[in-house]
Amino acid sequence: MRLVFVGPPGAGKGTQARIVCSRYGIPQISTGDMLRAAKAEGKLPADLVAKMAAGALVPDDVVIGLIDQRTRAADAASGFLLDGFPRTVPQAVALGDMLAERGQKLDRVLALEVPRDLLIERAVLRRTDKRTGQIYHLKYNPPPPDADLEHRADDREDVVAKRLDTYEAMTAELLPYYERLGILRRVNGVGSVEEVTSRVLSALGAE
């Protein structure tokens, strides 16, 4: 099972990806993790590391090269789940070409969908206990009275809104592209973890 998971920040994509990977015995491959690992291992050219430090985007061919290498590993023999890639249609085309060269293709692209106002509520009302690191939610999982709470900068409404804007702009063309290929499945991400998991597995043909 070769999968791509797409979803806005706060949609619960990471949780569902871990469940799916455990069920199918496939690795969850995050391009961000791969880039950080390649950087730490000294596998990236110095000029690219400098550009990354300055916030520049990593060229698509570099990312595709890392994905190509990673998905040839033994633990990906029966499939993989890509998290965080592709983000654009050119990246999707490059990924498809890479797989086609091996006689492979993606089985499914899952888009986890949650209304924007709920995503903002999920993030903005999150609080972290500075002493324990425990994360609470003022509405859904209230902290104890003695918690020493911190509101993280990236959970503030203006920051969350910008991240959602970026995601929406990114997927405006990506999701229709995969829809035309007939492999996109849109999944309602509202509900308990178990409810969403049931919908995800159904979209994968497992239920």
Protein backbone atom coordinates (compact mmCIF):
# COMPACT_ATOMS: atom_id res chain seq x y z
CA MET A 1 0.00 0.00 0.00
CA ARG A 2 1.63 3.21 -1.20
CA LEU A 3 -0.11 6.23 0.29
CA VAL A 4 0.05 10.00 0.53
CA PHE A 5 -1.62 11.74 3.48
CA VAL A 6 -2.68 15.35 3.06
CA GLY A 7 -4.28 17.51 5.71
CA PRO A 8 -4.16 20.96 7.27
CA PRO A 9 -2.32 21.67 10.53
CA GLY A 10 -4.41 20.40 13.43
CA ALA A 11 -6.48 17.92 11.41
CA GLY A 12 -5.07 14.91 13.27
CA LYS A 13 -3.15 13.66 10.27
CA GLY A 14 -0.16 12.47 12.31
CA THR A 15 -2.34 10.37 14.63
CA GLN A 16 -4.17 8.70 11.75
CA ALA A 17 -0.94 8.14 9.82
CA ARG A 18 0.58 6.27 12.78
CA ILE A 19 -2.52 4.06 13.07
CA VAL A 20 -2.53 3.24 9.34
CA CYS A 21 1.20 2.50 9.30
CA SER A 22 0.84 0.16 12.27
CA ARG A 23 -2.06 -1.66 10.65
CA TYR A 24 -0.37 -2.15 7.29
CA GLY A 25 3.19 -2.59 8.58
CA ILE A 26 4.55 0.24 6.44
CA PRO A 27 6.83 3.15 7.39
CA GLN A 28 5.62 6.73 7.80
CA ILE A 29 7.98 8.85 5.74
CA SER A 30 8.19 12.54 6.61
CA THR A 31 10.21 14.66 4.19
CA GLY A 32 10.99 17.09 7.01
CA ASP A 33 12.47 14.28 9.11
CA MET A 34 14.44 12.99 6.12
CA LEU A 35 15.93 16.40 5.39
CA ARG A 36 16.91 16.92 9.02
CA ALA A 37 18.52 13.46 9.13
CA ALA A 38 20.39 14.03 5.85
CA LYS A 39 21.63 17.36 7.16
CA ALA A 40 22.78 15.82 10.46
CA GLU A 41 24.59 13.03 8.61
CA GLY A 42 26.38 15.53 6.35
CA LYS A 43 24.68 14.22 3.20
CA LEU A 44 23.54 17.64 1.97
CA PRO A 45 25.82 20.14 0.20
CA ALA A 46 26.93 23.10 2.32
CA ASP A 47 25.22 25.66 0.06
CA LEU A 48 21.89 23.84 0.41
CA VAL A 49 22.24 23.68 4.21
CA ALA A 50 22.88 27.45 4.22
CA LYS A 51 19.77 28.05 2.10
CA MET A 52 17.67 25.86 4.40
CA ALA A 53 18.93 27.82 7.42
CA ALA A 54 17.80 31.00 5.68
CA GLY A 55 14.32 29.54 5.19
CA ALA A 56 14.63 28.77 1.47
CA LEU A 57 12.74 25.82 -0.02
CA VAL A 58 14.69 22.66 -0.79
CA PRO A 59 14.73 21.91 -4.55
CA ASP A 60 12.23 19.24 -5.60
CA ASP A 61 14.91 17.03 -7.16
CA VAL A 62 16.76 16.83 -3.83
CA VAL A 63 13.61 15.78 -1.98
CA ILE A 64 12.64 13.26 -4.67
CA GLY A 65 16.15 11.80 -4.49
CA LEU A 66 15.81 11.30 -0.74
CA ILE A 67 12.34 9.75 -1.15
CA ASP A 68 13.64 7.46 -3.89
CA GLN A 69 16.43 6.25 -1.61
CA ARG A 70 14.20 5.91 1.46
CA THR A 71 11.41 3.99 -0.29
CA ARG A 72 13.91 1.42 -1.56
CA ALA A 73 14.70 0.40 2.03
CA ALA A 74 13.64 -3.06 3.19
CA ASP A 75 10.92 -1.76 5.53
CA ALA A 76 9.18 -0.06 2.56
CA ALA A 77 9.04 -3.23 0.45
CA SER A 78 5.29 -3.60 1.02
CA GLY A 79 4.54 0.11 0.80
CA PHE A 80 4.88 3.43 2.62
CA LEU A 81 2.96 6.47 3.73
CA LEU A 82 4.28 9.85 2.62
CA ASP A 83 3.58 12.69 5.06
CA GLY A 84 4.31 16.26 3.94
CA PHE A 85 5.04 15.48 0.29
CA PRO A 86 3.99 16.24 -2.38
CA ARG A 87 2.81 19.78 -1.75
CA THR A 88 2.55 20.96 -5.37
CA VAL A 89 1.50 19.49 -8.71
CA PRO A 90 5.09 19.47 -10.09
CA GLN A 91 6.16 17.50 -7.00
CA ALA A 92 3.23 15.11 -7.52
CA VAL A 93 4.24 14.60 -11.15
CA ALA A 94 7.87 13.98 -10.15
CA LEU A 95 6.79 11.46 -7.52
CA GLY A 96 4.57 9.67 -10.04
CA ASP A 97 7.43 9.53 -12.57
CA MET A 98 9.80 8.15 -9.93
CA LEU A 99 7.39 5.35 -9.04
CA ALA A 100 6.55 4.64 -12.69
CA GLU A 101 10.24 3.98 -13.38
CA ARG A 102 9.95 1.10 -10.89
CA GLY A 103 6.66 -0.11 -12.32
CA GLN A 104 4.83 1.21 -9.25
CA LYS A 105 2.17 3.80 -8.51
CA LEU A 106 0.36 5.39 -5.58
CA ASP A 107 -2.66 3.44 -4.35
CA ARG A 108 -4.43 6.25 -2.53
CA VAL A 109 -4.13 9.90 -1.61
CA LEU A 110 -6.11 10.65 1.55
CA ALA A 111 -7.18 14.22 2.30
CA LEU A 112 -8.25 14.67 5.90
CA GLU A 113 -10.79 17.50 5.95
CA VAL A 114 -11.76 19.61 8.98
CA PRO A 115 -13.63 22.97 8.86
CA ARG A 116 -11.32 25.97 9.20
CA ASP A 117 -13.08 27.39 12.28
CA LEU A 118 -12.67 24.08 14.13
CA LEU A 119 -8.97 23.87 13.17
CA ILE A 120 -8.44 27.36 14.61
CA GLU A 121 -10.34 26.43 17.77
CA ARG A 122 -8.29 23.25 18.20
CA ALA A 123 -5.03 25.18 18.00
CA VAL A 124 -5.84 28.49 19.67
CA LEU A 125 -7.27 26.88 22.83
CA ARG A 126 -4.30 24.54 23.26
CA ARG A 127 -2.13 25.09 26.34
CA THR A 128 1.05 23.43 27.56
CA ASP A 129 1.93 22.83 31.22
CA LYS A 130 5.42 24.33 31.52
CA ARG A 131 6.35 21.95 34.34
CA THR A 132 5.30 18.63 32.78
CA GLY A 133 5.08 19.33 29.05
CA GLN A 134 1.54 17.92 29.07
CA ILE A 135 -0.71 19.46 26.41
CA TYR A 136 -4.27 20.43 27.35
CA HIS A 137 -7.20 22.00 25.54
CA LEU A 138 -9.27 24.58 27.36
CA LYS A 139 -12.50 23.21 25.86
CA TYR A 140 -11.95 19.50 25.16
CA ASN A 141 -9.32 18.52 27.74
CA PRO A 142 -9.20 21.17 30.48
CA PRO A 143 -6.04 21.40 32.61
CA PRO A 144 -6.04 20.88 36.39
CA PRO A 145 -6.29 24.05 38.54
CA ASP A 146 -2.61 23.94 39.54
CA ALA A 147 -1.22 23.70 35.98
CA ASP A 148 1.36 26.31 34.97
CA LEU A 149 0.06 27.01 31.49
CA GLU A 150 1.84 28.40 28.47
CA HIS A 151 0.22 29.52 25.20
CA ARG A 152 2.74 28.66 22.50
CA ALA A 153 3.46 31.33 19.90
CA ASP A 154 2.58 29.04 16.99
CA ASP A 155 -0.84 28.37 18.53
CA ARG A 156 -1.88 32.04 18.37
CA GLU A 157 -4.73 32.79 16.01
CA ASP A 158 -2.83 34.96 13.52
CA VAL A 159 -0.07 32.36 13.18
CA VAL A 160 -2.56 29.49 12.82
CA ALA A 161 -4.53 31.44 10.20
CA LYS A 162 -1.37 32.01 8.13
CA ARG A 163 -0.48 28.32 8.26
CA LEU A 164 -3.98 27.41 7.08
CA ASP A 165 -3.78 29.99 4.28
CA THR A 166 -0.51 28.41 3.15
CA TYR A 167 -2.02 24.92 3.23
CA GLU A 168 -5.11 25.98 1.29
CA ALA A 169 -3.03 27.70 -1.38
CA MET A 170 -0.79 24.65 -1.61
CA THR A 171 -3.60 22.12 -2.08
CA ALA A 172 -5.78 24.26 -4.38
CA GLU A 173 -4.29 22.48 -7.41
CA LEU A 174 -2.84 19.36 -5.78
CA LEU A 175 -6.11 17.76 -4.68
CA PRO A 176 -7.88 18.26 -8.05
CA TYR A 177 -4.81 16.74 -9.74
CA TYR A 178 -5.12 13.55 -7.70
CA GLU A 179 -8.90 13.63 -8.11
CA ARG A 180 -8.44 13.50 -11.88
CA LEU A 181 -6.19 10.45 -11.42
CA GLY A 182 -9.01 8.78 -9.50
CA ILE A 183 -6.98 8.02 -6.38
CA LEU A 184 -8.04 10.89 -4.08
CA ARG A 185 -10.28 10.05 -1.14
CA ARG A 186 -11.62 12.89 1.01
CA VAL A 187 -12.14 11.90 4.64
CA ASN A 188 -14.20 13.78 7.21
CA GLY A 189 -11.74 14.49 10.05
CA VAL A 190 -14.35 15.63 12.59
CA GLY A 191 -15.09 13.25 15.47
CA SER A 192 -13.25 10.97 17.85
CA VAL A 193 -9.96 9.38 16.84
CA GLU A 194 -11.77 6.05 16.50
CA GLU A 195 -14.52 7.50 14.29
CA VAL A 196 -12.00 9.15 11.97
CA THR A 197 -9.89 5.97 11.86
CA SER A 198 -12.95 3.99 10.76
CA ARG A 199 -13.52 6.45 7.88
CA VAL A 200 -9.83 6.37 6.92
CA LEU A 201 -9.77 2.57 6.80
CA SER A 202 -12.99 2.57 4.80
CA ALA A 203 -11.42 4.97 2.29
CA LEU A 204 -8.50 2.55 1.99
CA GLY A 205 -10.84 -0.33 1.37
CA ALA A 206 -10.04 -2.00 4.68
CA GLU A 207 -13.56 -1.85 6.10
